[in-house]
PDB file of N, CA and C in Angstrom:
ATOM      1  N   MET A   1     -43.429 -18.322 -27.064  1.00  0.00           N
ATOM      2  CA  MET A   1     -42.726 -17.132 -26.629  1.00  0.00           C
ATOM      3  C   MET A   1     -41.237 -17.273 -26.983  1.00  0.00           C
ATOM      4  N   THR A   2     -40.722 -16.278 -27.681  1.00  0.00           N
ATOM      5  CA  THR A   2     -39.314 -16.334 -28.081  1.00  0.00           C
ATOM      6  C   THR A   2     -38.412 -15.881 -26.941  1.00  0.00           C
ATOM      7  N   GLN A   3     -37.250 -16.497 -26.908  1.00  0.00           N
ATOM      8  CA  GLN A   3     -36.303 -16.166 -25.844  1.00  0.00           C
ATOM      9  C   GLN A   3     -35.462 -14.970 -26.272  1.00  0.00           C
ATOM     10  N   GLN A   4     -35.309 -13.995 -25.367  1.00  0.00           N
ATOM     11  CA  GLN A   4     -34.498 -12.820 -25.675  1.00  0.00           C
ATOM     12  C   GLN A   4     -33.035 -13.120 -25.369  1.00  0.00           C
ATOM     13  N   PRO A   5     -32.134 -12.527 -26.142  1.00  0.00           N
ATOM     14  CA  PRO A   5     -30.711 -12.761 -25.871  1.00  0.00           C
ATOM     15  C   PRO A   5     -30.312 -12.177 -24.508  1.00  0.00           C
ATOM     16  N   ALA A   6     -29.346 -12.828 -23.888  1.00  0.00           N
ATOM     17  CA  ALA A   6     -28.890 -12.367 -22.571  1.00  0.00           C
ATOM     18  C   ALA A   6     -28.223 -11.005 -22.703  1.00  0.00           C
ATOM     19  N   LYS A   7     -28.451 -10.160 -21.699  1.00  0.00           N
ATOM     20  CA  LYS A   7     -27.823  -8.836 -21.720  1.00  0.00           C
ATOM     21  C   LYS A   7     -26.359  -8.980 -21.352  1.00  0.00           C
ATOM     22  N   ARG A   8     -25.514  -8.282 -22.073  1.00  0.00           N
ATOM     23  CA  ARG A   8     -24.072  -8.356 -21.833  1.00  0.00           C
ATOM     24  C   ARG A   8     -23.605  -7.090 -21.133  1.00  0.00           C
ATOM     25  N   ILE A   9     -22.527  -7.235 -20.383  1.00  0.00           N
ATOM     26  CA  ILE A   9     -21.915  -6.079 -19.734  1.00  0.00           C
ATOM     27  C   ILE A   9     -21.147  -5.309 -20.811  1.00  0.00           C
ATOM     28  N   PRO A  10     -21.311  -3.992 -20.869  1.00  0.00           N
ATOM     29  CA  PRO A  10     -20.598  -3.218 -21.892  1.00  0.00           C
ATOM     30  C   PRO A  10     -19.079  -3.357 -21.754  1.00  0.00           C
ATOM     31  N   GLN A  11     -18.395  -3.276 -22.887  1.00  0.00           N
ATOM     32  CA  GLN A  11     -16.945  -3.465 -22.893  1.00  0.00           C
ATOM     33  C   GLN A  11     -16.238  -2.387 -22.078  1.00  0.00           C
ATOM     34  N   TRP A  12     -16.729  -1.153 -22.135  1.00  0.00           N
ATOM     35  CA  TRP A  12     -16.072  -0.078 -21.387  1.00  0.00           C
ATOM     36  C   TRP A  12     -16.147  -0.337 -19.888  1.00  0.00           C
ATOM     37  N   LEU A  13     -17.242  -0.940 -19.425  1.00  0.00           N
ATOM     38  CA  LEU A  13     -17.377  -1.239 -18.002  1.00  0.00           C
ATOM     39  C   LEU A  13     -16.428  -2.363 -17.598  1.00  0.00           C
ATOM     40  N   MET A  14     -16.278  -3.352 -18.458  1.00  0.00           N
ATOM     41  CA  MET A  14     -15.338  -4.442 -18.169  1.00  0.00           C
ATOM     42  C   MET A  14     -13.908  -3.914 -18.082  1.00  0.00           C
ATOM     43  N   ILE A  15     -13.550  -2.996 -18.976  1.00  0.00           N
ATOM     44  CA  ILE A  15     -12.199  -2.428 -18.955  1.00  0.00           C
ATOM     45  C   ILE A  15     -11.999  -1.609 -17.681  1.00  0.00           C
ATOM     46  N   ASP A  16     -13.001  -0.824 -17.294  1.00  0.00           N
ATOM     47  CA  ASP A  16     -12.905  -0.044 -16.053  1.00  0.00           C
ATOM     48  C   ASP A  16     -12.724  -0.956 -14.846  1.00  0.00           C
ATOM     49  N   LEU A  17     -13.502  -2.028 -14.788  1.00  0.00           N
ATOM     50  CA  LEU A  17     -13.382  -2.957 -13.663  1.00  0.00           C
ATOM     51  C   LEU A  17     -12.015  -3.632 -13.648  1.00  0.00           C
ATOM     52  N   LEU A  18     -11.502  -3.976 -14.820  1.00  0.00           N
ATOM     53  CA  LEU A  18     -10.178  -4.589 -14.912  1.00  0.00           C
ATOM     54  C   LEU A  18      -9.098  -3.626 -14.422  1.00  0.00           C
ATOM     55  N   VAL A  19      -9.190  -2.357 -14.805  1.00  0.00           N
ATOM     56  CA  VAL A  19      -8.217  -1.352 -14.353  1.00  0.00           C
ATOM     57  C   VAL A  19      -8.277  -1.197 -12.840  1.00  0.00           C
ATOM     58  N   ILE A  20      -9.462  -1.184 -12.260  1.00  0.00           N
ATOM     59  CA  ILE A  20      -9.607  -1.056 -10.806  1.00  0.00           C
ATOM     60  C   ILE A  20      -8.993  -2.254 -10.102  1.00  0.00           C
ATOM     61  N   VAL A  21      -9.271  -3.454 -10.573  1.00  0.00           N
ATOM     62  CA  VAL A  21      -8.743  -4.667  -9.934  1.00  0.00           C
ATOM     63  C   VAL A  21      -7.220  -4.710 -10.033  1.00  0.00           C
ATOM     64  N   VAL A  22      -6.676  -4.382 -11.198  1.00  0.00           N
ATOM     65  CA  VAL A  22      -5.217  -4.387 -11.366  1.00  0.00           C
ATOM     66  C   VAL A  22      -4.578  -3.315 -10.489  1.00  0.00           C
ATOM     67  N   SER A  23      -5.196  -2.154 -10.380  1.00  0.00           N
ATOM     68  CA  SER A  23      -4.661  -1.091  -9.525  1.00  0.00           C
ATOM     69  C   SER A  23      -4.649  -1.512  -8.063  1.00  0.00           C
ATOM     70  N   LEU A  24      -5.728  -2.106  -7.596  1.00  0.00           N
ATOM     71  CA  LEU A  24      -5.780  -2.560  -6.202  1.00  0.00           C
ATOM     72  C   LEU A  24      -4.761  -3.663  -5.941  1.00  0.00           C
ATOM     73  N   ALA A  25      -4.584  -4.552  -6.898  1.00  0.00           N
ATOM     74  CA  ALA A  25      -3.586  -5.615  -6.736  1.00  0.00           C
ATOM     75  C   ALA A  25      -2.178  -5.035  -6.674  1.00  0.00           C
ATOM     76  N   THR A  26      -1.901  -4.030  -7.497  1.00  0.00           N
ATOM     77  CA  THR A  26      -0.582  -3.388  -7.485  1.00  0.00           C
ATOM     78  C   THR A  26      -0.340  -2.677  -6.165  1.00  0.00           C
ATOM     79  N   ILE A  27      -1.331  -1.958  -5.668  1.00  0.00           N
ATOM     80  CA  ILE A  27      -1.202  -1.275  -4.374  1.00  0.00           C
ATOM     81  C   ILE A  27      -0.979  -2.299  -3.271  1.00  0.00           C
ATOM     82  N   GLY A  28      -1.730  -3.383  -3.286  1.00  0.00           N
ATOM     83  CA  GLY A  28      -1.552  -4.433  -2.281  1.00  0.00           C
ATOM     84  C   GLY A  28      -0.174  -5.054  -2.331  1.00  0.00           C
ATOM     85  N   LEU A  29       0.356  -5.229  -3.532  1.00  0.00           N
ATOM     86  CA  LEU A  29       1.702  -5.793  -3.672  1.00  0.00           C
ATOM     87  C   LEU A  29       2.750  -4.856  -3.080  1.00  0.00           C
ATOM     88  N   PHE A  30       2.659  -3.566  -3.381  1.00  0.00           N
ATOM     89  CA  PHE A  30       3.621  -2.616  -2.832  1.00  0.00           C
ATOM     90  C   PHE A  30       3.490  -2.497  -1.317  1.00  0.00           C
ATOM     91  N   MET A  31       2.270  -2.584  -0.804  1.00  0.00           N
ATOM     92  CA  MET A  31       2.096  -2.534   0.652  1.00  0.00           C
ATOM     93  C   MET A  31       2.705  -3.768   1.301  1.00  0.00           C
ATOM     94  N   ALA A  32       2.599  -4.911   0.651  1.00  0.00           N
ATOM     95  CA  ALA A  32       3.182  -6.135   1.201  1.00  0.00           C
ATOM     96  C   ALA A  32       4.704  -6.076   1.166  1.00  0.00           C
ATOM     97  N   ILE A  33       5.265  -5.486   0.110  1.00  0.00           N
ATOM     98  CA  ILE A  33       6.720  -5.360   0.021  1.00  0.00           C
ATOM     99  C   ILE A  33       7.229  -4.375   1.062  1.00  0.00           C
ATOM    100  N   HIS A  34       6.519  -3.289   1.265  1.00  0.00           N
ATOM    101  CA  HIS A  34       6.949  -2.237   2.184  1.00  0.00           C
ATOM    102  C   HIS A  34       6.295  -2.442   3.554  1.00  0.00           C
ATOM    103  N   ASP A  35       6.445  -3.643   4.094  1.00  0.00           N
ATOM    104  CA  ASP A  35       5.870  -3.991   5.393  1.00  0.00           C
ATOM    105  C   ASP A  35       6.623  -3.248   6.494  1.00  0.00           C
ATOM    106  N   PRO A  36       5.946  -2.432   7.304  1.00  0.00           N
ATOM    107  CA  PRO A  36       6.651  -1.643   8.316  1.00  0.00           C
ATOM    108  C   PRO A  36       7.323  -2.486   9.396  1.00  0.00           C
ATOM    109  N   THR A  37       6.925  -3.723   9.583  1.00  0.00           N
ATOM    110  CA  THR A  37       7.554  -4.545  10.622  1.00  0.00           C
ATOM    111  C   THR A  37       8.936  -5.012  10.208  1.00  0.00           C
ATOM    112  N   THR A  38       9.237  -5.033   8.910  1.00  0.00           N
ATOM    113  CA  THR A  38      10.560  -5.467   8.458  1.00  0.00           C
ATOM    114  C   THR A  38      11.449  -4.294   8.083  1.00  0.00           C
ATOM    115  N   ARG A  39      10.988  -3.087   8.290  1.00  0.00           N
ATOM    116  CA  ARG A  39      11.710  -1.908   7.850  1.00  0.00           C
ATOM    117  C   ARG A  39      12.869  -1.545   8.769  1.00  0.00           C
ATOM    118  N   GLU A  40      12.846  -1.949  10.035  1.00  0.00           N
ATOM    119  CA  GLU A  40      13.822  -1.471  11.004  1.00  0.00           C
ATOM    120  C   GLU A  40      15.248  -1.937  10.715  1.00  0.00           C
ATOM    121  N   ALA A  41      15.418  -3.060  10.065  1.00  0.00           N
ATOM    122  CA  ALA A  41      16.757  -3.599   9.845  1.00  0.00           C
ATOM    123  C   ALA A  41      17.589  -2.716   8.927  1.00  0.00           C
ATOM    124  N   HIS A  42      16.967  -1.971   8.027  1.00  0.00           N
ATOM    125  CA  HIS A  42      17.729  -1.146   7.098  1.00  0.00           C
ATOM    126  C   HIS A  42      17.295   0.311   7.132  1.00  0.00           C
ATOM    127  N   THR A  43      16.805   0.772   8.282  1.00  0.00           N
ATOM    128  CA  THR A  43      16.388   2.160   8.420  1.00  0.00           C
ATOM    129  C   THR A  43      17.554   2.991   8.945  1.00  0.00           C
ATOM    130  N   PRO A  44      17.796   4.166   8.385  1.00  0.00           N
ATOM    131  CA  PRO A  44      18.905   4.988   8.880  1.00  0.00           C
ATOM    132  C   PRO A  44      18.638   5.526  10.283  1.00  0.00           C
ATOM    133  N   VAL A  45      19.705   5.944  10.921  1.00  0.00           N
ATOM    134  CA  VAL A  45      19.607   6.502  12.273  1.00  0.00           C
ATOM    135  C   VAL A  45      19.036   7.909  12.170  1.00  0.00           C
ATOM    136  N   ALA A  46      18.211   8.287  13.141  1.00  0.00           N
ATOM    137  CA  ALA A  46      17.656   9.639  13.173  1.00  0.00           C
ATOM    138  C   ALA A  46      18.741  10.599  13.651  1.00  0.00           C
ATOM    139  N   HIS A  47      19.335  11.362  12.739  1.00  0.00           N
ATOM    140  CA  HIS A  47      20.468  12.222  13.078  1.00  0.00           C
ATOM    141  C   HIS A  47      20.053  13.512  13.763  1.00  0.00           C
ATOM    142  N   ASP A  48      18.763  13.787  13.823  1.00  0.00           N
ATOM    143  CA  ASP A  48      18.343  15.003  14.512  1.00  0.00           C
ATOM    144  C   ASP A  48      18.217  14.777  16.021  1.00  0.00           C
ATOM    145  N   GLN A  49      18.540  13.587  16.485  1.00  0.00           N
ATOM    146  CA  GLN A  49      18.541  13.293  17.918  1.00  0.00           C
ATOM    147  C   GLN A  49      19.911  13.628  18.500  1.00  0.00           C
ATOM    148  N   PRO A  50      19.996  13.931  19.789  1.00  0.00           N
ATOM    149  CA  PRO A  50      21.299  14.149  20.418  1.00  0.00           C
ATOM    150  C   PRO A  50      22.179  12.913  20.262  1.00  0.00           C
ATOM    151  N   ALA A  51      23.502  13.122  20.221  1.00  0.00           N
ATOM    152  CA  ALA A  51      24.436  12.031  19.937  1.00  0.00           C
ATOM    153  C   ALA A  51      24.306  10.887  20.927  1.00  0.00           C
ATOM    154  N   GLY A  52      24.025  11.179  22.184  1.00  0.00           N
ATOM    155  CA  GLY A  52      23.918  10.121  23.185  1.00  0.00           C
ATOM    156  C   GLY A  52      22.610   9.357  23.108  1.00  0.00           C
ATOM    157  N   ASP A  53      21.633   9.896  22.388  1.00  0.00           N
ATOM    158  CA  ASP A  53      20.297   9.285  22.357  1.00  0.00           C
ATOM    159  C   ASP A  53      19.870   9.036  20.917  1.00  0.00           C
ATOM    160  N   ARG A  54      20.739   8.438  20.127  1.00  0.00           N
ATOM    161  CA  ARG A  54      20.377   8.145  18.736  1.00  0.00           C
ATOM    162  C   ARG A  54      19.562   6.873  18.693  1.00  0.00           C
ATOM    163  N   ARG A  55      18.388   7.009  18.137  1.00  0.00           N
ATOM    164  CA  ARG A  55      17.515   5.850  17.981  1.00  0.00           C
ATOM    165  C   ARG A  55      17.339   5.571  16.496  1.00  0.00           C
ATOM    166  N   ILE A  56      16.819   4.421  16.208  1.00  0.00           N
ATOM    167  CA  ILE A  56      16.512   4.101  14.813  1.00  0.00           C
ATOM    168  C   ILE A  56      15.382   5.032  14.362  1.00  0.00           C
ATOM    169  N   ALA A  57      15.481   5.517  13.138  1.00  0.00           N
ATOM    170  CA  ALA A  57      14.540   6.514  12.639  1.00  0.00           C
ATOM    171  C   ALA A  57      13.098   6.022  12.706  1.00  0.00           C
ATOM    172  N   SER A  58      12.859   4.755  12.452  1.00  0.00           N
ATOM    173  CA  SER A  58      11.483   4.262  12.490  1.00  0.00           C
ATOM    174  C   SER A  58      10.909   4.362  13.898  1.00  0.00           C
ATOM    175  N   ASP A  59      11.730   4.142  14.926  1.00  0.00           N
ATOM    176  CA  ASP A  59      11.256   4.309  16.306  1.00  0.00           C
ATOM    177  C   ASP A  59      10.921   5.770  16.572  1.00  0.00           C
ATOM    178  N   TYR A  60      11.740   6.670  16.045  1.00  0.00           N
ATOM    179  CA  TYR A  60      11.514   8.100  16.224  1.00  0.00           C
ATOM    180  C   TYR A  60      10.188   8.512  15.583  1.00  0.00           C
ATOM    181  N   TYR A  61       9.956   8.069  14.347  1.00  0.00           N
ATOM    182  CA  TYR A  61       8.725   8.445  13.669  1.00  0.00           C
ATOM    183  C   TYR A  61       7.518   7.736  14.271  1.00  0.00           C
ATOM    184  N   ARG A  62       7.700   6.530  14.752  1.00  0.00           N
ATOM    185  CA  ARG A  62       6.611   5.840  15.440  1.00  0.00           C
ATOM    186  C   ARG A  62       6.207   6.630  16.676  1.00  0.00           C
ATOM    187  N   HIS A  63       7.196   7.183  17.376  1.00  0.00           N
ATOM    188  CA  HIS A  63       6.918   7.997  18.558  1.00  0.00           C
ATOM    189  C   HIS A  63       6.158   9.265  18.164  1.00  0.00           C
ATOM    190  N   LEU A  64       6.551   9.884  17.041  1.00  0.00           N
ATOM    191  CA  LEU A  64       5.886  11.111  16.608  1.00  0.00           C
ATOM    192  C   LEU A  64       4.413  10.882  16.297  1.00  0.00           C
ATOM    193  N   TYR A  65       4.103   9.767  15.628  1.00  0.00           N
ATOM    194  CA  TYR A  65       2.740   9.537  15.165  1.00  0.00           C
ATOM    195  C   TYR A  65       1.910   8.684  16.112  1.00  0.00           C
ATOM    196  N   SER A  66       2.432   8.369  17.277  1.00  0.00           N
ATOM    197  CA  SER A  66       1.674   7.519  18.196  1.00  0.00           C
ATOM    198  C   SER A  66       0.690   8.314  19.045  1.00  0.00           C
ATOM    199  N   HIS A  67       0.737   9.631  18.981  1.00  0.00           N
ATOM    200  CA  HIS A  67      -0.144  10.451  19.828  1.00  0.00           C
ATOM    201  C   HIS A  67      -1.416  10.805  19.125  1.00  0.00           C
TER     202      HIS A  67
END
């Protein structure tokens, strides 16, 4: 009995998988750089708050989206 050659993955599928992996890695890198826990040190003040109650903008937006 003769041995059949191994089936190969098509080149177009390999390229698609490579694009997906690189895209996910890029998204993960940007998410790691833009970590919300380190954002408060350089976030502008929320100027739409009354002058006596100015909070850091990230706290203001955290309050908006916490409900």
